[in-house]
Amino acid sequence: LMRAMVADGEVDHLVPERVWAETRRALAEPQPSAFLRVLREAG
């Protein structure tokens, strides 16, 4: 479903502030590498 969201262009409409807010929180989690792997697998 996440791959379909990327293909549909839904991710293109994310505002920068929200992307940063989620990224900042992810970087403070115990295993930030999983954040990158999931995003990468979803495209």
PDB file of all heavy atoms in Angstrom:
ATOM      1  N   LEU A   1       0.832  -1.203   0.000  1.00  0.00           N
ATOM      2  CA  LEU A   1       0.000   0.000   0.000  1.00  0.00           C
ATOM      3  C   LEU A   1       0.869   1.257   0.000  1.00  0.00           C
ATOM      4  O   LEU A   1       0.558   2.240  -0.691  1.00  0.00           O
ATOM      5  CB  LEU A   1      -0.922  -0.016   1.213  1.00  0.00           C
ATOM      6  CG  LEU A   1      -2.006   1.063   1.288  1.00  0.00           C
ATOM      7  CD1 LEU A   1      -2.918   0.994   0.073  1.00  0.00           C
ATOM      8  CD2 LEU A   1      -2.817   0.906   2.576  1.00  0.00           C
ATOM      9  N   MET A   2       1.953   1.230   0.746  1.00  0.00           N
ATOM     10  CA  MET A   2       2.853   2.380   0.791  1.00  0.00           C
ATOM     11  C   MET A   2       3.518   2.609  -0.570  1.00  0.00           C
ATOM     12  O   MET A   2       3.668   3.756  -1.011  1.00  0.00           O
ATOM     13  CB  MET A   2       3.896   2.166   1.894  1.00  0.00           C
ATOM     14  CG  MET A   2       3.304   2.257   3.298  1.00  0.00           C
ATOM     15  SD  MET A   2       4.345   1.550   4.601  1.00  0.00           S
ATOM     16  CE  MET A   2       5.790   2.569   4.513  1.00  0.00           C
ATOM     17  N   ARG A   3       3.896   1.533  -1.242  1.00  0.00           N
ATOM     18  CA  ARG A   3       4.471   1.677  -2.585  1.00  0.00           C
ATOM     19  C   ARG A   3       3.452   2.304  -3.533  1.00  0.00           C
ATOM     20  O   ARG A   3       3.798   3.147  -4.375  1.00  0.00           O
ATOM     21  CB  ARG A   3       4.914   0.314  -3.121  1.00  0.00           C
ATOM     22  CG  ARG A   3       6.123  -0.286  -2.420  1.00  0.00           C
ATOM     23  CD  ARG A   3       6.703  -1.404  -3.282  1.00  0.00           C
ATOM     24  NE  ARG A   3       7.670  -2.186  -2.529  1.00  0.00           N
ATOM     25  CZ  ARG A   3       7.417  -3.372  -1.978  1.00  0.00           C
ATOM     26  NH1 ARG A   3       6.213  -3.912  -2.087  1.00  0.00           N
ATOM     27  NH2 ARG A   3       8.351  -4.019  -1.320  1.00  0.00           N
ATOM     28  N   ALA A   4       2.204   1.890  -3.399  1.00  0.00           N
ATOM     29  CA  ALA A   4       1.153   2.454  -4.244  1.00  0.00           C
ATOM     30  C   ALA A   4       0.954   3.937  -3.962  1.00  0.00           C
ATOM     31  O   ALA A   4       0.700   4.728  -4.888  1.00  0.00           O
ATOM     32  CB  ALA A   4      -0.152   1.685  -4.028  1.00  0.00           C
ATOM     33  N   MET A   5       1.084   4.331  -2.701  1.00  0.00           N
ATOM     34  CA  MET A   5       0.960   5.744  -2.348  1.00  0.00           C
ATOM     35  C   MET A   5       2.057   6.568  -3.019  1.00  0.00           C
ATOM     36  O   MET A   5       1.819   7.675  -3.512  1.00  0.00           O
ATOM     37  CB  MET A   5       1.042   5.911  -0.830  1.00  0.00           C
ATOM     38  CG  MET A   5      -0.133   5.323  -0.075  1.00  0.00           C
ATOM     39  SD  MET A   5       0.160   5.239   1.718  1.00  0.00           S
ATOM     40  CE  MET A   5       0.238   6.995   2.142  1.00  0.00           C
ATOM     41  N   VAL A   6       3.274   6.025  -3.041  1.00  0.00           N
ATOM     42  CA  VAL A   6       4.381   6.727  -3.693  1.00  0.00           C
ATOM     43  C   VAL A   6       4.138   6.811  -5.192  1.00  0.00           C
ATOM     44  O   VAL A   6       4.294   7.868  -5.815  1.00  0.00           O
ATOM     45  CB  VAL A   6       5.719   6.021  -3.395  1.00  0.00           C
ATOM     46  CG1 VAL A   6       6.847   6.684  -4.181  1.00  0.00           C
ATOM     47  CG2 VAL A   6       6.017   6.048  -1.902  1.00  0.00           C
ATOM     48  N   ALA A   7       3.717   5.691  -5.793  1.00  0.00           N
ATOM     49  CA  ALA A   7       3.464   5.671  -7.230  1.00  0.00           C
ATOM     50  C   ALA A   7       2.335   6.617  -7.624  1.00  0.00           C
ATOM     51  O   ALA A   7       2.357   7.217  -8.705  1.00  0.00           O
ATOM     52  CB  ALA A   7       3.132   4.243  -7.676  1.00  0.00           C
ATOM     53  N   ASP A   8       1.377   6.780  -6.726  1.00  0.00           N
ATOM     54  CA  ASP A   8       0.227   7.648  -6.992  1.00  0.00           C
ATOM     55  C   ASP A   8       0.563   9.124  -6.819  1.00  0.00           C
ATOM     56  O   ASP A   8      -0.244   9.996  -7.135  1.00  0.00           O
ATOM     57  CB  ASP A   8      -0.928   7.266  -6.051  1.00  0.00           C
ATOM     58  CG  ASP A   8      -2.221   7.987  -6.378  1.00  0.00           C
ATOM     59  OD1 ASP A   8      -2.581   8.050  -7.566  1.00  0.00           O
ATOM     60  OD2 ASP A   8      -2.857   8.516  -5.452  1.00  0.00           O
ATOM     61  N   GLY A   9       1.742   9.420  -6.281  1.00  0.00           N
ATOM     62  CA  GLY A   9       2.146  10.809  -6.091  1.00  0.00           C
ATOM     63  C   GLY A   9       1.658  11.439  -4.812  1.00  0.00           C
ATOM     64  O   GLY A   9       1.850  12.644  -4.588  1.00  0.00           O
ATOM     65  N   GLU A  10       1.029  10.635  -3.940  1.00  0.00           N
ATOM     66  CA  GLU A  10       0.502  11.191  -2.690  1.00  0.00           C
ATOM     67  C   GLU A  10       1.623  11.754  -1.821  1.00  0.00           C
ATOM     68  O   GLU A  10       1.461  12.790  -1.175  1.00  0.00           O
ATOM     69  CB  GLU A  10      -0.260  10.105  -1.921  1.00  0.00           C
ATOM     70  CG  GLU A  10      -1.008  10.614  -0.702  1.00  0.00           C
ATOM     71  CD  GLU A  10      -2.201  11.499  -1.034  1.00  0.00           C
ATOM     72  OE1 GLU A  10      -2.835  11.298  -2.089  1.00  0.00           O
ATOM     73  OE2 GLU A  10      -2.490  12.410  -0.228  1.00  0.00           O
ATOM     74  N   VAL A  11       2.779  11.107  -1.837  1.00  0.00           N
ATOM     75  CA  VAL A  11       3.915  11.553  -1.019  1.00  0.00           C
ATOM     76  C   VAL A  11       4.446  12.906  -1.484  1.00  0.00           C
ATOM     77  O   VAL A  11       5.005  13.669  -0.696  1.00  0.00           O
ATOM     78  CB  VAL A  11       5.025  10.483  -1.046  1.00  0.00           C
ATOM     79  CG1 VAL A  11       6.281  10.970  -0.337  1.00  0.00           C
ATOM     80  CG2 VAL A  11       4.542   9.198  -0.391  1.00  0.00           C
ATOM     81  N   ASP A  12       4.237  13.222  -2.754  1.00  0.00           N
ATOM     82  CA  ASP A  12       4.717  14.499  -3.290  1.00  0.00           C
ATOM     83  C   ASP A  12       4.042  15.697  -2.627  1.00  0.00           C
ATOM     84  O   ASP A  12       4.541  16.826  -2.720  1.00  0.00           O
ATOM     85  CB  ASP A  12       4.466  14.580  -4.802  1.00  0.00           C
ATOM     86  CG  ASP A  12       5.169  13.474  -5.565  1.00  0.00           C
ATOM     87  OD1 ASP A  12       6.150  12.921  -5.031  1.00  0.00           O
ATOM     88  OD2 ASP A  12       4.734  13.152  -6.685  1.00  0.00           O
ATOM     89  N   HIS A  13       2.917  15.467  -1.969  1.00  0.00           N
ATOM     90  CA  HIS A  13       2.153  16.560  -1.370  1.00  0.00           C
ATOM     91  C   HIS A  13       2.467  16.765   0.113  1.00  0.00           C
ATOM     92  O   HIS A  13       1.818  17.585   0.775  1.00  0.00           O
ATOM     93  CB  HIS A  13       0.656  16.312  -1.567  1.00  0.00           C
ATOM     94  CG  HIS A  13       0.241  16.303  -3.009  1.00  0.00           C
ATOM     95  ND1 HIS A  13      -0.084  17.451  -3.699  1.00  0.00           N
ATOM     96  CD2 HIS A  13       0.144  15.285  -3.902  1.00  0.00           C
ATOM     97  CE1 HIS A  13      -0.385  17.140  -4.955  1.00  0.00           C
ATOM     98  NE2 HIS A  13      -0.258  15.831  -5.099  1.00  0.00           N
ATOM     99  N   LEU A  14       3.444  16.044   0.630  1.00  0.00           N
ATOM    100  CA  LEU A  14       3.848  16.254   2.022  1.00  0.00           C
ATOM    101  C   LEU A  14       4.511  17.626   2.173  1.00  0.00           C
ATOM    102  O   LEU A  14       5.376  17.994   1.372  1.00  0.00           O
ATOM    103  CB  LEU A  14       4.834  15.162   2.454  1.00  0.00           C
ATOM    104  CG  LEU A  14       4.224  13.807   2.813  1.00  0.00           C
ATOM    105  CD1 LEU A  14       5.315  12.752   2.911  1.00  0.00           C
ATOM    106  CD2 LEU A  14       3.467  13.911   4.133  1.00  0.00           C
ATOM    107  N   VAL A  15       4.122  18.352   3.201  1.00  0.00           N
ATOM    108  CA  VAL A  15       4.730  19.658   3.426  1.00  0.00           C
ATOM    109  C   VAL A  15       6.068  19.468   4.133  1.00  0.00           C
ATOM    110  O   VAL A  15       6.240  18.529   4.932  1.00  0.00           O
ATOM    111  CB  VAL A  15       3.804  20.571   4.259  1.00  0.00           C
ATOM    112  CG1 VAL A  15       2.521  20.854   3.508  1.00  0.00           C
ATOM    113  CG2 VAL A  15       3.501  19.954   5.616  1.00  0.00           C
ATOM    114  N   PRO A  16       7.054  20.331   3.851  1.00  0.00           N
ATOM    115  CA  PRO A  16       8.394  20.157   4.425  1.00  0.00           C
ATOM    116  C   PRO A  16       8.401  20.078   5.937  1.00  0.00           C
ATOM    117  O   PRO A  16       9.149  19.282   6.522  1.00  0.00           O
ATOM    118  CB  PRO A  16       9.141  21.405   3.933  1.00  0.00           C
ATOM    119  CG  PRO A  16       8.419  21.833   2.702  1.00  0.00           C
ATOM    120  CD  PRO A  16       6.988  21.485   2.931  1.00  0.00           C
ATOM    121  N   GLU A  17       7.589  20.899   6.578  1.00  0.00           N
ATOM    122  CA  GLU A  17       7.587  20.916   8.045  1.00  0.00           C
ATOM    123  C   GLU A  17       7.202  19.563   8.622  1.00  0.00           C
ATOM    124  O   GLU A  17       7.753  19.125   9.638  1.00  0.00           O
ATOM    125  CB  GLU A  17       6.618  21.996   8.555  1.00  0.00           C
ATOM    126  CG  GLU A  17       7.036  23.424   8.260  1.00  0.00           C
ATOM    127  CD  GLU A  17       6.626  23.908   6.887  1.00  0.00           C
ATOM    128  OE1 GLU A  17       6.082  23.099   6.089  1.00  0.00           O
ATOM    129  OE2 GLU A  17       6.842  25.096   6.584  1.00  0.00           O
ATOM    130  N   ARG A  18       6.259  18.877   7.978  1.00  0.00           N
ATOM    131  CA  ARG A  18       5.822  17.581   8.511  1.00  0.00           C
ATOM    132  C   ARG A  18       6.866  16.508   8.233  1.00  0.00           C
ATOM    133  O   ARG A  18       7.079  15.607   9.050  1.00  0.00           O
ATOM    134  CB  ARG A  18       4.479  17.201   7.914  1.00  0.00           C
ATOM    135  CG  ARG A  18       3.746  16.139   8.726  1.00  0.00           C
ATOM    136  CD  ARG A  18       3.535  16.629  10.168  1.00  0.00           C
ATOM    137  NE  ARG A  18       3.201  15.518  11.050  1.00  0.00           N
ATOM    138  CZ  ARG A  18       1.960  15.161  11.367  1.00  0.00           C
ATOM    139  NH1 ARG A  18       0.939  15.829  10.857  1.00  0.00           N
ATOM    140  NH2 ARG A  18       1.749  14.160  12.183  1.00  0.00           N
ATOM    141  N   VAL A  19       7.507  16.580   7.061  1.00  0.00           N
ATOM    142  CA  VAL A  19       8.583  15.625   6.761  1.00  0.00           C
ATOM    143  C   VAL A  19       9.703  15.765   7.785  1.00  0.00           C
ATOM    144  O   VAL A  19      10.218  14.770   8.318  1.00  0.00           O
ATOM    145  CB  VAL A  19       9.127  15.838   5.337  1.00  0.00           C
ATOM    146  CG1 VAL A  19      10.320  14.911   5.076  1.00  0.00           C
ATOM    147  CG2 VAL A  19       8.039  15.589   4.298  1.00  0.00           C
ATOM    148  N   TRP A  20      10.079  17.009   8.076  1.00  0.00           N
ATOM    149  CA  TRP A  20      11.151  17.228   9.043  1.00  0.00           C
ATOM    150  C   TRP A  20      10.734  16.779  10.444  1.00  0.00           C
ATOM    151  O   TRP A  20      11.535  16.156  11.164  1.00  0.00           O
ATOM    152  CB  TRP A  20      11.578  18.689   9.066  1.00  0.00           C
ATOM    153  CG  TRP A  20      12.500  18.991  10.216  1.00  0.00           C
ATOM    154  CD1 TRP A  20      12.270  19.812  11.275  1.00  0.00           C
ATOM    155  CD2 TRP A  20      13.796  18.431  10.439  1.00  0.00           C
ATOM    156  NE1 TRP A  20      13.330  19.796  12.143  1.00  0.00           N
ATOM    157  CE2 TRP A  20      14.289  18.965  11.664  1.00  0.00           C
ATOM    158  CE3 TRP A  20      14.590  17.527   9.732  1.00  0.00           C
ATOM    159  CZ2 TRP A  20      15.538  18.626  12.187  1.00  0.00           C
ATOM    160  CZ3 TRP A  20      15.841  17.185  10.256  1.00  0.00           C
ATOM    161  CH2 TRP A  20      16.304  17.728  11.457  1.00  0.00           C
ATOM    162  N   ALA A  21       9.505  17.070  10.830  1.00  0.00           N
ATOM    163  CA  ALA A  21       9.060  16.697  12.173  1.00  0.00           C
ATOM    164  C   ALA A  21       9.143  15.184  12.379  1.00  0.00           C
ATOM    165  O   ALA A  21       9.618  14.705  13.420  1.00  0.00           O
ATOM    166  CB  ALA A  21       7.626  17.184  12.407  1.00  0.00           C
ATOM    167  N   GLU A  22       8.701  14.414  11.383  1.00  0.00           N
ATOM    168  CA  GLU A  22       8.763  12.955  11.508  1.00  0.00           C
ATOM    169  C   GLU A  22      10.205  12.463  11.423  1.00  0.00           C
ATOM    170  O   GLU A  22      10.601  11.533  12.132  1.00  0.00           O
ATOM    171  CB  GLU A  22       7.914  12.296  10.418  1.00  0.00           C
ATOM    172  CG  GLU A  22       6.421  12.538  10.566  1.00  0.00           C
ATOM    173  CD  GLU A  22       5.844  11.894  11.821  1.00  0.00           C
ATOM    174  OE1 GLU A  22       6.374  10.858  12.271  1.00  0.00           O
ATOM    175  OE2 GLU A  22       4.856  12.432  12.361  1.00  0.00           O
ATOM    176  N   THR A  23      11.011  13.079  10.563  1.00  0.00           N
ATOM    177  CA  THR A  23      12.413  12.682  10.428  1.00  0.00           C
ATOM    178  C   THR A  23      13.173  12.957  11.713  1.00  0.00           C
ATOM    179  O   THR A  23      13.973  12.122  12.183  1.00  0.00           O
ATOM    180  CB  THR A  23      13.064  13.446   9.265  1.00  0.00           C
ATOM    181  OG1 THR A  23      12.355  13.169   8.055  1.00  0.00           O
ATOM    182  CG2 THR A  23      14.531  13.052   9.096  1.00  0.00           C
ATOM    183  N   ARG A  24      12.932  14.116  12.282  1.00  0.00           N
ATOM    184  CA  ARG A  24      13.619  14.477  13.527  1.00  0.00           C
ATOM    185  C   ARG A  24      13.302  13.472  14.628  1.00  0.00           C
ATOM    186  O   ARG A  24      14.198  13.057  15.373  1.00  0.00           O
ATOM    187  CB  ARG A  24      13.190  15.885  13.937  1.00  0.00           C
ATOM    188  CG  ARG A  24      13.900  16.444  15.145  1.00  0.00           C
ATOM    189  CD  ARG A  24      13.517  17.902  15.355  1.00  0.00           C
ATOM    190  NE  ARG A  24      14.381  18.524  16.350  1.00  0.00           N
ATOM    191  CZ  ARG A  24      14.399  19.821  16.610  1.00  0.00           C
ATOM    192  NH1 ARG A  24      13.589  20.636  15.942  1.00  0.00           N
ATOM    193  NH2 ARG A  24      15.218  20.322  17.513  1.00  0.00           N
ATOM    194  N   ARG A  25      12.068  13.068  14.712  1.00  0.00           N
ATOM    195  CA  ARG A  25      11.692  12.084  15.731  1.00  0.00           C
ATOM    196  C   ARG A  25      12.309  10.727  15.419  1.00  0.00           C
ATOM    197  O   ARG A  25      12.742  10.008  16.325  1.00  0.00           O
ATOM    198  CB  ARG A  25      10.169  11.986  15.811  1.00  0.00           C
ATOM    199  CG  ARG A  25       9.497  13.271  16.305  1.00  0.00           C
ATOM    200  CD  ARG A  25       7.985  13.168  16.308  1.00  0.00           C
ATOM    201  NE  ARG A  25       7.513  12.267  17.350  1.00  0.00           N
ATOM    202  CZ  ARG A  25       6.221  11.991  17.569  1.00  0.00           C
ATOM    203  NH1 ARG A  25       5.302  12.549  16.795  1.00  0.00           N
ATOM    204  NH2 ARG A  25       5.871  11.180  18.531  1.00  0.00           N
ATOM    205  N   ALA A  26      12.360  10.366  14.142  1.00  0.00           N
ATOM    206  CA  ALA A  26      12.958   9.085  13.759  1.00  0.00           C
ATOM    207  C   ALA A  26      14.439   9.030  14.095  1.00  0.00           C
ATOM    208  O   ALA A  26      14.959   7.988  14.518  1.00  0.00           O
ATOM    209  CB  ALA A  26      12.744   8.834  12.264  1.00  0.00           C
ATOM    210  N   LEU A  27      15.137  10.149  13.917  1.00  0.00           N
ATOM    211  CA  LEU A  27      16.571  10.199  14.216  1.00  0.00           C
ATOM    212  C   LEU A  27      16.851  10.050  15.702  1.00  0.00           C
ATOM    213  O   LEU A  27      17.968   9.726  16.095  1.00  0.00           O
ATOM    214  CB  LEU A  27      17.171  11.516  13.704  1.00  0.00           C
ATOM    215  CG  LEU A  27      17.220  11.673  12.181  1.00  0.00           C
ATOM    216  CD1 LEU A  27      17.637  13.092  11.810  1.00  0.00           C
ATOM    217  CD2 LEU A  27      18.160  10.653  11.560  1.00  0.00           C
ATOM    218  N   ALA A  28      15.835  10.284  16.521  1.00  0.00           N
ATOM    219  CA  ALA A  28      15.989  10.139  17.973  1.00  0.00           C
ATOM    220  C   ALA A  28      15.558   8.756  18.461  1.00  0.00           C
ATOM    221  O   ALA A  28      15.627   8.488  19.663  1.00  0.00           O
ATOM    222  CB  ALA A  28      15.171  11.220  18.693  1.00  0.00           C
ATOM    223  N   GLU A  29      15.130   7.898  17.554  1.00  0.00           N
ATOM    224  CA  GLU A  29      14.706   6.550  17.932  1.00  0.00           C
ATOM    225  C   GLU A  29      15.918   5.624  18.062  1.00  0.00           C
ATOM    226  O   GLU A  29      17.006   5.948  17.595  1.00  0.00           O
ATOM    227  CB  GLU A  29      13.720   5.996  16.901  1.00  0.00           C
ATOM    228  CG  GLU A  29      12.424   6.798  16.756  1.00  0.00           C
ATOM    229  CD  GLU A  29      11.502   6.693  17.973  1.00  0.00           C
ATOM    230  OE1 GLU A  29      11.879   6.035  18.962  1.00  0.00           O
ATOM    231  OE2 GLU A  29      10.406   7.283  17.934  1.00  0.00           O
ATOM    232  N   PRO A  30      15.728   4.437  18.655  1.00  0.00           N
ATOM    233  CA  PRO A  30      16.870   3.543  18.898  1.00  0.00           C
ATOM    234  C   PRO A  30      17.532   2.980  17.646  1.00  0.00           C
ATOM    235  O   PRO A  30      18.723   2.662  17.675  1.00  0.00           O
ATOM    236  CB  PRO A  30      16.245   2.407  19.729  1.00  0.00           C
ATOM    237  CG  PRO A  30      15.034   3.001  20.353  1.00  0.00           C
ATOM    238  CD  PRO A  30      14.512   3.971  19.336  1.00  0.00           C
ATOM    239  N   GLN A  31      16.789   2.831  16.540  1.00  0.00           N
ATOM    240  CA  GLN A  31      17.377   2.240  15.335  1.00  0.00           C
ATOM    241  C   GLN A  31      16.952   3.029  14.099  1.00  0.00           C
ATOM    242  O   GLN A  31      16.149   2.581  13.295  1.00  0.00           O
ATOM    243  CB  GLN A  31      16.960   0.771  15.202  1.00  0.00           C
ATOM    244  CG  GLN A  31      17.821  -0.036  14.250  1.00  0.00           C
ATOM    245  CD  GLN A  31      17.529  -1.522  14.329  1.00  0.00           C
ATOM    246  OE1 GLN A  31      17.373  -2.061  15.418  1.00  0.00           O
ATOM    247  NE2 GLN A  31      17.467  -2.190  13.187  1.00  0.00           N
ATOM    248  N   PRO A  32      17.548   4.215  13.891  1.00  0.00           N
ATOM    249  CA  PRO A  32      17.131   5.071  12.772  1.00  0.00           C
ATOM    250  C   PRO A  32      17.332   4.441  11.407  1.00  0.00           C
ATOM    251  O   PRO A  32      16.692   4.852  10.442  1.00  0.00           O
ATOM    252  CB  PRO A  32      18.009   6.320  12.942  1.00  0.00           C
ATOM    253  CG  PRO A  32      18.456   6.287  14.369  1.00  0.00           C
ATOM    254  CD  PRO A  32      18.562   4.853  14.738  1.00  0.00           C
ATOM    255  N   SER A  33      18.226   3.466  11.309  1.00  0.00           N
ATOM    256  CA  SER A  33      18.446   2.820  10.009  1.00  0.00           C
ATOM    257  C   SER A  33      17.152   2.220   9.469  1.00  0.00           C
ATOM    258  O   SER A  33      16.936   2.191   8.250  1.00  0.00           O
ATOM    259  CB  SER A  33      19.508   1.727  10.134  1.00  0.00           C
ATOM    260  OG  SER A  33      19.092   0.697  11.026  1.00  0.00           O
ATOM    261  N   ALA A  34      16.277   1.754  10.357  1.00  0.00           N
ATOM    262  CA  ALA A  34      15.012   1.169   9.910  1.00  0.00           C
ATOM    263  C   ALA A  34      14.136   2.200   9.223  1.00  0.00           C
ATOM    264  O   ALA A  34      13.360   1.871   8.316  1.00  0.00           O
ATOM    265  CB  ALA A  34      14.278   0.543  11.097  1.00  0.00           C
ATOM    266  N   PHE A  35      14.235   3.448   9.649  1.00  0.00           N
ATOM    267  CA  PHE A  35      13.494   4.542   9.011  1.00  0.00           C
ATOM    268  C   PHE A  35      13.899   4.640   7.542  1.00  0.00           C
ATOM    269  O   PHE A  35      13.032   4.711   6.649  1.00  0.00           O
ATOM    270  CB  PHE A  35      13.804   5.847   9.747  1.00  0.00           C
ATOM    271  CG  PHE A  35      13.133   7.081   9.203  1.00  0.00           C
ATOM    272  CD1 PHE A  35      11.780   7.306   9.399  1.00  0.00           C
ATOM    273  CD2 PHE A  35      13.864   8.049   8.522  1.00  0.00           C
ATOM    274  CE1 PHE A  35      11.160   8.455   8.923  1.00  0.00           C
ATOM    275  CE2 PHE A  35      13.267   9.202   8.044  1.00  0.00           C
ATOM    276  CZ  PHE A  35      11.902   9.411   8.238  1.00  0.00           C
ATOM    277  N   LEU A  36      15.203   4.616   7.274  1.00  0.00           N
ATOM    278  CA  LEU A  36      15.679   4.696   5.889  1.00  0.00           C
ATOM    279  C   LEU A  36      15.282   3.463   5.097  1.00  0.00           C
ATOM    280  O   LEU A  36      14.845   3.568   3.945  1.00  0.00           O
ATOM    281  CB  LEU A  36      17.202   4.843   5.863  1.00  0.00           C
ATOM    282  CG  LEU A  36      17.808   6.106   6.467  1.00  0.00           C
ATOM    283  CD1 LEU A  36      19.299   6.164   6.134  1.00  0.00           C
ATOM    284  CD2 LEU A  36      17.107   7.364   5.981  1.00  0.00           C
ATOM    285  N   ARG A  37      15.422   2.284   5.693  1.00  0.00           N
ATOM    286  CA  ARG A  37      15.128   1.054   4.955  1.00  0.00           C
ATOM    287  C   ARG A  37      13.657   0.970   4.558  1.00  0.00           C
ATOM    288  O   ARG A  37      13.335   0.572   3.431  1.00  0.00           O
ATOM    289  CB  ARG A  37      15.523  -0.167   5.788  1.00  0.00           C
ATOM    290  CG  ARG A  37      17.020  -0.402   5.845  1.00  0.00           C
ATOM    291  CD  ARG A  37      17.340  -1.796   6.352  1.00  0.00           C
ATOM    292  NE  ARG A  37      16.838  -2.004   7.705  1.00  0.00           N
ATOM    293  CZ  ARG A  37      17.507  -1.682   8.805  1.00  0.00           C
ATOM    294  NH1 ARG A  37      18.711  -1.130   8.715  1.00  0.00           N
ATOM    295  NH2 ARG A  37      16.992  -1.909  10.004  1.00  0.00           N
ATOM    296  N   VAL A  38      12.767   1.355   5.470  1.00  0.00           N
ATOM    297  CA  VAL A  38      11.340   1.296   5.149  1.00  0.00           C
ATOM    298  C   VAL A  38      10.998   2.303   4.049  1.00  0.00           C
ATOM    299  O   VAL A  38      10.292   1.979   3.093  1.00  0.00           O
ATOM    300  CB  VAL A  38      10.497   1.550   6.417  1.00  0.00           C
ATOM    301  CG1 VAL A  38       9.026   1.773   6.056  1.00  0.00           C
ATOM    302  CG2 VAL A  38      10.620   0.374   7.375  1.00  0.00           C
ATOM    303  N   LEU A  39      11.514   3.519   4.168  1.00  0.00           N
ATOM    304  CA  LEU A  39      11.253   4.528   3.140  1.00  0.00           C
ATOM    305  C   LEU A  39      11.818   4.087   1.793  1.00  0.00           C
ATOM    306  O   LEU A  39      11.194   4.280   0.744  1.00  0.00           O
ATOM    307  CB  LEU A  39      11.856   5.868   3.541  1.00  0.00           C
ATOM    308  CG  LEU A  39      11.205   6.599   4.712  1.00  0.00           C
ATOM    309  CD1 LEU A  39      11.919   7.927   4.964  1.00  0.00           C
ATOM    310  CD2 LEU A  39       9.720   6.843   4.468  1.00  0.00           C
ATOM    311  N   ARG A  40      12.990   3.489   1.834  1.00  0.00           N
ATOM    312  CA  ARG A  40      13.624   3.052   0.579  1.00  0.00           C
ATOM    313  C   ARG A  40      12.840   1.913  -0.053  1.00  0.00           C
ATOM    314  O   ARG A  40      12.624   1.889  -1.271  1.00  0.00           O
ATOM    315  CB  ARG A  40      15.064   2.644   0.848  1.00  0.00           C
ATOM    316  CG  ARG A  40      15.859   2.328  -0.414  1.00  0.00           C
ATOM    317  CD  ARG A  40      17.344   2.299  -0.131  1.00  0.00           C
ATOM    318  NE  ARG A  40      18.079   2.023  -1.348  1.00  0.00           N
ATOM    319  CZ  ARG A  40      18.629   0.841  -1.645  1.00  0.00           C
ATOM    320  NH1 ARG A  40      18.539  -0.159  -0.769  1.00  0.00           N
ATOM    321  NH2 ARG A  40      19.278   0.655  -2.781  1.00  0.00           N
ATOM    322  N   GLU A  41      12.400   0.952   0.751  1.00  0.00           N
ATOM    323  CA  GLU A  41      11.636  -0.173   0.216  1.00  0.00           C
ATOM    324  C   GLU A  41      10.312   0.298  -0.388  1.00  0.00           C
ATOM    325  O   GLU A  41       9.838  -0.261  -1.378  1.00  0.00           O
ATOM    326  CB  GLU A  41      11.372  -1.206   1.309  1.00  0.00           C
ATOM    327  CG  GLU A  41      10.736  -2.484   0.793  1.00  0.00           C
ATOM    328  CD  GLU A  41      10.553  -3.540   1.865  1.00  0.00           C
ATOM    329  OE1 GLU A  41      11.086  -3.363   2.975  1.00  0.00           O
ATOM    330  OE2 GLU A  41       9.869  -4.542   1.585  1.00  0.00           O
ATOM    331  N   ALA A  42       9.751   1.353   0.200  1.00  0.00           N
ATOM    332  CA  ALA A  42       8.489   1.892  -0.318  1.00  0.00           C
ATOM    333  C   ALA A  42       8.691   2.796  -1.532  1.00  0.00           C
ATOM    334  O   ALA A  42       7.714   3.188  -2.179  1.00  0.00           O
ATOM    335  CB  ALA A  42       7.760   2.660   0.782  1.00  0.00           C
ATOM    336  N   GLY A  43       9.945   3.149  -1.825  1.00  0.00           N
ATOM    337  CA  GLY A  43      10.221   4.069  -2.928  1.00  0.00           C
ATOM    338  C   GLY A  43      10.155   5.523  -2.529  1.00  0.00           C
ATOM    339  O   GLY A  43      10.314   6.416  -3.376  1.00  0.00           O
TER     340      GLY A  43
END
